């Protein structure tokens, strides 16, 4: 596992290029945040009780990150996190 300092960067925004951090609020309540490494190949998914380091997976259109159990999908401003503690998190939108 990589040290947190290698995974995160300080830029804000919803796109992984150049790093960033985005909070998502879900329609059914709850939410999560996502931080990216500089090239967008890794995402750190933070839910209220856990953190997951997820690798970018090949995909058509959506950005999909996974560790083999947890799957984070981001497309057109919407996101879902399936398999994460407290989830599933569906119908989530960037909240700030």
Protein backbone atom coordinates (compact mmCIF):
# COMPACT_ATOMS: atom_id res chain seq x y z
CA UNK A 1 0.00 0.00 0.00
CA UNK A 2 1.31 3.44 -0.89
CA UNK A 3 1.72 6.14 1.76
CA UNK A 4 -1.12 8.63 1.80
CA UNK A 5 1.23 11.45 0.81
CA UNK A 6 2.01 9.69 -2.49
CA UNK A 7 -1.65 9.19 -3.29
CA UNK A 8 -3.08 12.62 -2.52
CA UNK A 9 -2.44 16.02 -3.99
CA UNK A 10 -3.64 19.43 -2.86
CA UNK A 11 -5.63 20.60 -5.89
CA UNK A 12 -9.43 20.71 -5.69
CA UNK A 13 -11.89 19.65 -8.37
CA UNK A 14 -13.83 16.67 -9.70
CA UNK A 15 -11.35 15.60 -12.40
CA UNK A 16 -8.44 13.35 -11.47
CA UNK A 17 -5.89 14.95 -13.80
CA UNK A 18 -3.44 16.87 -11.65
CA UNK A 19 -4.93 15.45 -8.45
CA UNK A 20 -7.88 16.83 -6.58
CA UNK A 21 -10.52 16.02 -4.03
CA UNK A 22 -14.28 15.86 -4.49
CA UNK A 23 -17.08 15.26 -1.99
CA UNK A 24 -20.19 13.45 -3.19
CA UNK A 25 -23.67 13.55 -1.61
CA UNK A 26 -26.03 10.68 -2.38
CA UNK A 27 -29.78 10.87 -3.02
CA UNK A 28 -30.60 8.35 -0.27
CA UNK A 29 -28.39 10.21 2.23
CA UNK A 30 -24.78 9.78 3.16
CA UNK A 31 -21.86 10.38 0.91
CA UNK A 32 -18.14 10.00 0.38
CA UNK A 33 -15.07 11.84 -0.83
CA UNK A 34 -12.53 10.93 -3.45
CA UNK A 35 -8.92 12.12 -3.82
CA UNK A 36 -6.67 11.28 -6.75
CA UNK A 37 -2.95 10.92 -7.35
CA UNK A 38 -1.37 13.25 -9.92
CA UNK A 39 -2.02 11.16 -13.03
CA UNK A 40 -5.46 9.88 -12.00
CA UNK A 41 -4.39 6.23 -11.89
CA UNK A 42 -5.25 5.85 -8.19
CA UNK A 43 -8.23 7.08 -6.17
CA UNK A 44 -8.55 7.23 -2.40
CA UNK A 45 -12.21 6.66 -1.54
CA UNK A 46 -13.19 7.84 1.94
CA UNK A 47 -16.50 6.78 3.48
CA UNK A 48 -17.45 7.62 7.09
CA UNK A 49 -15.72 4.57 8.60
CA UNK A 50 -13.06 3.47 6.07
CA UNK A 51 -10.58 4.44 3.37
CA UNK A 52 -9.96 2.45 0.21
CA UNK A 53 -7.09 2.76 -2.26
CA UNK A 54 -8.51 1.97 -5.71
CA UNK A 55 -6.76 1.54 -9.06
CA UNK A 56 -8.12 2.85 -12.36
CA UNK A 57 -9.59 0.04 -14.47
CA UNK A 58 -10.12 -0.07 -18.24
CA UNK A 59 -13.55 1.24 -19.18
CA UNK A 60 -15.59 2.68 -22.02
CA UNK A 61 -16.68 6.19 -21.02
CA UNK A 62 -16.90 6.07 -17.21
CA UNK A 63 -13.91 6.30 -14.87
CA UNK A 64 -13.92 3.08 -12.87
CA UNK A 65 -11.63 2.45 -9.92
CA UNK A 66 -11.52 -0.81 -7.98
CA UNK A 67 -9.53 -2.91 -5.53
CA UNK A 68 -11.30 -6.10 -6.63
CA UNK A 69 -14.08 -5.68 -4.04
CA UNK A 70 -15.00 -2.00 -3.91
CA UNK A 71 -15.96 -0.33 -7.19
CA UNK A 72 -16.08 3.44 -7.67
CA UNK A 73 -17.74 4.61 -10.89
CA UNK A 74 -17.75 8.26 -11.99
CA UNK A 75 -19.43 9.49 -15.17
CA UNK A 76 -21.03 12.76 -16.25
CA UNK A 77 -20.89 14.26 -12.75
CA UNK A 78 -22.58 11.25 -11.12
CA UNK A 79 -20.86 8.67 -8.95
CA UNK A 80 -21.49 5.39 -7.18
CA UNK A 81 -19.42 3.35 -4.73
CA UNK A 82 -20.44 -0.29 -4.45
CA UNK A 83 -18.93 -2.64 -1.86
CA UNK A 84 -17.73 0.11 0.50
CA UNK A 85 -18.61 0.09 4.20
CA UNK A 86 -21.97 1.77 4.87
CA UNK A 87 -23.00 1.47 1.22
CA UNK A 88 -23.93 0.95 -1.44
CA UNK A 89 -23.66 4.62 -2.35
CA UNK A 90 -25.74 5.29 -5.46
CA UNK A 91 -27.05 8.33 -7.33
CA UNK A 92 -24.38 10.60 -5.87
CA UNK A 93 -23.41 14.05 -7.12
CA UNK A 94 -20.48 16.32 -6.43
CA UNK A 95 -21.41 18.51 -3.46
CA UNK A 96 -18.85 21.22 -3.44
